[in-house]
Amino acid sequence: MTARLELNLSGRHAIITGASRGIGRGVARGLAEAGAEVTLLGRSADALREVADEVGGSYRVCDVTNDESLQTAFEGLDTDILVNNAGVNIPEAFVDVTAQHFEAIFNLNVRAAFFASQLAARNMLERGVRGVIVNISSQMGHVGAPLRSVYCASKHALEGLTKSLGVELAPHGIRVVSVAPTFLETPLTTPMLEDPAFRAEVLSRIPLGHLGSIEDVVNAVVFLASDAARMVTGSSLLVDGGWTAR
């Protein structure tokens, strides 16, 4: 046999949440380049329109934490690939965490992913499609860290959901996987990483010695969404430079 990677996603429709910037924008571009038709979900019409024009896809304005808004966004869309990318973090000391912050993080990182996955899975089951759900998790879903108690808890929950759905949906040929990146070089992380002490601490924990990039995550998502990963489900692809291996 000749080893090869089959990354052609032609004929498949992908929905990406939190698609207006950062990882979501990159994933939309990567899936489109692999041949998928993409629909972008997010809260900013202007930002979504810009990405849709860039990748040749469509968009729907949606607050994924609102059940009615989420259900409306999925109406009439056939889903072959879902990427649950929308997420948030509020770094703060455990003793200072408020109920409001706790709920904001869990509502977006866990609850929204749960019900978006449910909508996607129902569509896949109705159509008899062997689809894929990709959850954008974090290395913090595998370890603990100071000032990230709620974020870590939410990402551990997402990893648990990935495992459970991977097992439950496997008999239907639906795969559920996660991608767990380390710290990435993005506009959102720039303020934190401009602190020399923080940057040095982060790099000291990554055996490969450098930060990740959005493209590193995009490549992982495209692989997992493709038939090249047809035997991968219920597990997490760690894109962490070795952080969790220590």
Protein backbone atom coordinates (compact mmCIF):
# COMPACT_ATOMS: atom_id res chain seq x y z
CA MET A 1 0.00 0.00 0.00
CA THR A 2 1.07 3.57 -0.69
CA ALA A 3 0.77 5.83 2.36
CA ARG A 4 -1.22 8.96 1.68
CA LEU A 5 -3.37 11.58 3.36
CA GLU A 6 -6.84 12.13 1.92
CA LEU A 7 -7.64 15.71 2.91
CA ASN A 8 -10.16 16.50 0.19
CA LEU A 9 -13.37 17.80 1.78
CA SER A 10 -15.24 18.51 -1.45
CA GLY A 11 -18.98 17.97 -1.21
CA ARG A 12 -19.07 18.50 2.55
CA HIS A 13 -20.64 21.38 4.41
CA ALA A 14 -18.93 22.74 7.51
CA ILE A 15 -20.30 25.03 10.20
CA ILE A 16 -17.78 26.94 12.31
CA THR A 17 -18.75 28.83 15.47
CA GLY A 18 -16.81 31.88 16.58
CA ALA A 19 -15.67 32.22 12.98
CA SER A 20 -15.13 35.97 12.72
CA ARG A 21 -11.51 36.05 13.90
CA GLY A 22 -8.51 34.12 15.19
CA ILE A 23 -8.72 30.34 15.14
CA GLY A 24 -12.27 30.34 13.75
CA ARG A 25 -11.28 32.49 10.81
CA GLY A 26 -8.26 30.32 10.13
CA VAL A 27 -10.29 27.12 10.33
CA ALA A 28 -12.87 28.53 7.92
CA ARG A 29 -10.11 29.31 5.45
CA GLY A 30 -8.46 25.91 5.88
CA LEU A 31 -11.66 23.92 5.42
CA ALA A 32 -12.63 26.00 2.39
CA GLU A 33 -9.20 25.45 0.84
CA ALA A 34 -9.70 21.71 1.37
CA GLY A 35 -12.90 21.94 -0.68
CA ALA A 36 -15.62 22.22 1.95
CA GLU A 37 -18.54 24.63 1.71
CA VAL A 38 -18.45 26.69 4.89
CA THR A 39 -21.02 28.59 6.93
CA LEU A 40 -19.68 30.95 9.57
CA LEU A 41 -21.44 31.66 12.86
CA GLY A 42 -20.67 34.63 15.09
CA ARG A 43 -22.08 37.80 16.60
CA SER A 44 -20.56 40.46 14.32
CA ALA A 45 -22.15 40.71 10.89
CA ASP A 46 -19.40 42.97 9.54
CA ALA A 47 -16.59 40.67 10.69
CA LEU A 48 -18.39 37.56 9.43
CA ARG A 49 -19.05 39.17 6.06
CA GLU A 50 -15.35 39.95 5.70
CA VAL A 51 -14.35 36.34 6.40
CA ALA A 52 -17.11 34.96 4.17
CA ASP A 53 -15.89 37.13 1.30
CA GLU A 54 -12.34 35.94 1.94
CA VAL A 55 -13.12 32.21 1.93
CA GLY A 56 -16.08 32.15 -0.43
CA GLY A 57 -18.54 30.98 2.21
CA SER A 58 -21.76 32.16 3.82
CA TYR A 59 -22.51 33.41 7.32
CA ARG A 60 -25.28 33.70 9.86
CA VAL A 61 -25.26 36.09 12.80
CA CYS A 62 -25.77 34.03 15.92
CA ASP A 63 -25.30 34.14 19.68
CA VAL A 64 -24.44 30.50 20.36
CA THR A 65 -25.26 30.92 24.06
CA ASN A 66 -28.88 31.71 23.15
CA ASP A 67 -30.89 28.57 22.38
CA GLU A 68 -33.31 30.24 19.98
CA SER A 69 -30.53 32.05 18.11
CA LEU A 70 -28.50 28.85 17.83
CA GLN A 71 -31.41 26.77 16.57
CA THR A 72 -32.32 29.42 14.01
CA ALA A 73 -28.74 29.51 12.74
CA PHE A 74 -28.79 25.76 12.04
CA GLU A 75 -32.18 25.75 10.30
CA GLY A 76 -32.00 24.61 6.70
CA LEU A 77 -28.31 23.74 6.89
CA ASP A 78 -27.02 20.25 6.22
CA THR A 79 -24.09 19.62 8.51
CA ASP A 80 -21.24 17.27 7.61
CA ILE A 81 -18.61 18.98 9.77
CA LEU A 82 -19.13 21.08 12.89
CA VAL A 83 -16.27 22.98 14.50
CA ASN A 84 -17.12 24.24 17.98
CA ASN A 85 -14.61 27.06 18.21
CA ALA A 86 -16.41 29.80 20.15
CA GLY A 87 -14.87 30.17 23.58
CA VAL A 88 -13.77 32.59 26.28
CA ASN A 89 -11.36 32.85 29.19
CA ILE A 90 -11.31 35.29 32.11
CA PRO A 91 -8.01 34.75 33.96
CA GLU A 92 -8.39 35.52 37.66
CA ALA A 93 -7.66 34.10 41.08
CA PHE A 94 -9.97 31.28 42.18
CA VAL A 95 -11.05 33.19 45.29
CA ASP A 96 -12.15 36.13 43.14
CA VAL A 97 -14.30 34.23 40.63
CA THR A 98 -17.88 35.49 40.53
CA ALA A 99 -20.96 33.50 39.58
CA GLN A 100 -21.32 35.80 36.59
CA HIS A 101 -17.85 34.96 35.27
CA PHE A 102 -18.31 31.25 35.98
CA GLU A 103 -21.57 31.16 34.04
CA ALA A 104 -20.18 33.21 31.15
CA ILE A 105 -17.29 30.78 30.64
CA PHE A 106 -19.34 27.59 31.02
CA ASN A 107 -22.20 28.88 28.88
CA LEU A 108 -19.88 29.53 25.93
CA ASN A 109 -17.19 26.87 26.37
CA VAL A 110 -19.44 23.96 27.33
CA ARG A 111 -23.17 24.60 27.01
CA ALA A 112 -23.00 26.18 23.55
CA ALA A 113 -20.75 23.38 22.27
CA PHE A 114 -23.12 20.77 23.74
CA PHE A 115 -26.23 22.10 22.04
CA ALA A 116 -24.53 22.98 18.77
CA SER A 117 -23.26 19.39 18.68
CA GLN A 118 -26.77 18.13 19.38
CA LEU A 119 -28.19 20.10 16.45
CA ALA A 120 -25.41 18.90 14.16
CA ALA A 121 -25.74 15.28 15.27
CA ARG A 122 -29.50 15.29 14.74
CA ASN A 123 -28.98 16.52 11.19
CA MET A 124 -26.29 13.92 10.52
CA LEU A 125 -28.47 11.12 11.89
CA GLU A 126 -31.52 12.23 9.88
CA ARG A 127 -29.45 12.23 6.68
CA GLY A 128 -27.44 9.11 7.47
CA VAL A 129 -24.20 11.08 7.19
CA ARG A 130 -20.92 9.91 8.65
CA GLY A 131 -20.05 13.39 9.90
CA VAL A 132 -17.43 14.90 12.18
CA ILE A 133 -17.65 17.19 15.20
CA VAL A 134 -14.42 18.96 16.15
CA ASN A 135 -14.22 20.71 19.50
CA ILE A 136 -11.54 23.38 19.91
CA SER A 137 -10.32 22.65 23.40
CA SER A 138 -7.03 23.56 25.06
CA GLN A 139 -4.03 21.99 26.73
CA MET A 140 -5.77 23.34 29.85
CA GLY A 141 -8.34 20.61 29.29
CA HIS A 142 -5.62 18.13 30.25
CA VAL A 143 -3.74 19.95 33.01
CA GLY A 144 -4.29 22.57 35.68
CA ALA A 145 -2.97 26.11 35.90
CA PRO A 146 -3.19 29.06 38.30
CA LEU A 147 -5.66 31.85 37.50
CA ARG A 148 -7.55 29.51 35.18
CA SER A 149 -9.75 27.45 37.50
CA VAL A 150 -12.97 27.99 35.57
CA TYR A 151 -11.32 27.82 32.15
CA CYS A 152 -9.59 24.55 33.04
CA ALA A 153 -12.82 23.14 34.43
CA SER A 154 -14.71 24.10 31.26
CA LYS A 155 -12.12 22.58 28.94
CA HIS A 156 -11.92 19.39 30.99
CA ALA A 157 -15.70 19.23 30.62
CA LEU A 158 -15.37 19.69 26.85
CA GLU A 159 -12.85 16.86 26.71
CA GLY A 160 -15.28 14.66 28.66
CA LEU A 161 -18.05 15.55 26.25
CA THR A 162 -15.78 14.67 23.34
CA LYS A 163 -15.13 11.21 24.79
CA SER A 164 -18.77 10.53 25.60
CA LEU A 165 -20.11 11.66 22.22
CA GLY A 166 -17.30 9.84 20.46
CA VAL A 167 -18.50 6.58 22.02
CA GLU A 168 -22.25 7.22 21.70
CA LEU A 169 -22.21 8.38 18.08
CA ALA A 170 -19.59 5.93 16.80
CA PRO A 171 -22.16 3.24 15.83
CA HIS A 172 -23.64 5.81 13.43
CA GLY A 173 -20.27 6.59 11.86
CA ILE A 174 -20.14 10.06 13.41
CA ARG A 175 -16.74 10.97 14.80
CA VAL A 176 -16.20 13.45 17.65
CA VAL A 177 -12.72 14.75 18.38
CA SER A 178 -10.98 17.71 19.99
CA VAL A 179 -7.93 19.83 19.24
CA ALA A 180 -6.03 21.06 22.29
CA PRO A 181 -3.51 23.82 21.50
CA THR A 182 -0.96 25.50 23.71
CA PHE A 183 -0.48 29.28 23.80
CA LEU A 184 -0.66 30.71 20.28
CA GLU A 185 0.74 33.84 18.71
CA THR A 186 -2.46 35.79 18.07
CA PRO A 187 -3.60 39.41 18.48
CA LEU A 188 -5.55 38.34 21.57
CA THR A 189 -2.51 36.85 23.31
CA THR A 190 -0.11 39.65 22.36
CA PRO A 191 -0.80 41.77 25.48
CA MET A 192 -0.04 38.83 27.80
CA LEU A 193 2.99 37.67 25.86
CA GLU A 194 4.48 41.17 25.80
CA ASP A 195 5.24 40.61 29.49
CA PRO A 196 8.80 39.16 29.35
CA ALA A 197 8.35 37.16 32.55
CA PHE A 198 5.07 35.61 31.38
CA ARG A 199 6.47 34.79 27.94
CA ALA A 200 9.56 33.21 29.44
CA GLU A 201 7.43 31.11 31.80
CA VAL A 202 5.24 29.89 28.94
CA LEU A 203 8.20 29.00 26.72
CA SER A 204 9.91 27.18 29.57
CA ARG A 205 6.96 24.77 29.68
CA ILE A 206 6.96 23.98 25.95
CA PRO A 207 9.67 21.40 25.13
CA LEU A 208 9.72 22.44 21.46
CA GLY A 209 10.71 25.90 22.66
CA HIS A 210 8.27 28.04 20.68
CA LEU A 211 4.65 29.13 20.72
CA GLY A 212 2.01 27.67 18.45
CA SER A 213 0.32 29.39 15.54
CA ILE A 214 -3.21 29.48 14.24
CA GLU A 215 -2.03 27.45 11.24
CA ASP A 216 -0.92 24.65 13.57
CA VAL A 217 -4.50 24.38 14.83
CA VAL A 218 -5.99 24.71 11.34
CA ASN A 219 -3.86 21.84 10.03
CA ALA A 220 -5.03 19.64 12.91
CA VAL A 221 -8.69 20.47 12.27
CA VAL A 222 -8.49 19.78 8.53
CA PHE A 223 -6.80 16.44 9.22
CA LEU A 224 -9.38 15.40 11.82
CA ALA A 225 -12.29 16.48 9.61
CA SER A 226 -10.98 14.40 6.72
CA ASP A 227 -11.06 10.69 5.89
CA ALA A 228 -7.38 10.55 6.76
CA ALA A 229 -8.59 10.45 10.39
CA ARG A 230 -11.40 7.95 9.84
CA MET A 231 -10.25 5.82 12.80
CA VAL A 232 -9.90 8.78 15.18
CA THR A 233 -12.78 9.49 17.54
CA GLY A 234 -13.39 10.24 21.20
CA SER A 235 -9.87 11.58 21.61
CA SER A 236 -7.88 14.80 21.69
CA LEU A 237 -5.11 15.88 19.34
CA LEU A 238 -2.69 17.87 21.51
CA VAL A 239 -1.05 20.68 19.56
CA ASP A 240 0.96 21.80 22.57
CA GLY A 241 4.63 21.42 21.70
CA GLY A 242 4.95 18.84 24.45
CA TRP A 243 3.53 20.94 27.32
CA THR A 244 1.36 18.12 28.70
CA ALA A 245 4.02 15.44 28.18
CA ARG A 246 6.10 16.65 31.13
